[in-house]
Amino acid sequence: MSDLIVQLAHSHVRSFADEVMADHREAMECWDCEEHLARGITAGTWVLRAEEVLREAHEAGLIDGASDILEVVCVMLEAWLVPVQNTEQWIASLGQRGRAPENLSAFCDIRGQIDEMVQRYDWLKRARKARVLSQSGESW
């Protein structure tokens, strides 16, 4: 009888420990995701800031080369967007388990601003291409 009690107690202790470790792993994964999002927020903020400074400097006549600025900004935007799909899958995976990084809203805000900038710069690139093609006489 005492062996049965010891086995039951051991089973409950093991279950308790396993549950704590599973919760701990999930919490750490959420924390890792928050850290990843924080890096994305910081990087996105720098991209937005760099674009603003380059644009204002160009408008003020402090720097030349609008097409160079356009290219630099587009490269930064594209580089920022590379890890976004995996990041969003990670966020969705956490969400399916009832977890959400605390800085998710801030990341989504930066993502929205980057998306708006991508659309604006995509439009500018297409407009420049159309202008060049219309001046060259080539067919579009």
Foldseek 3Di string as FASTA:
>chain_A
DVVVVVVVVVVVVVVVVVVVVVVVVLVVLLVVLLVVLVVLLVLLVVLVVLLVVVVVCVVVVNDDDPVVSLVVSLVSLVVSCVCVVVSVVSQVVSVVVVDHRPCPVSSVVSVVVSVVVNVVSVVVVVVVVVVVCVVVVHDD
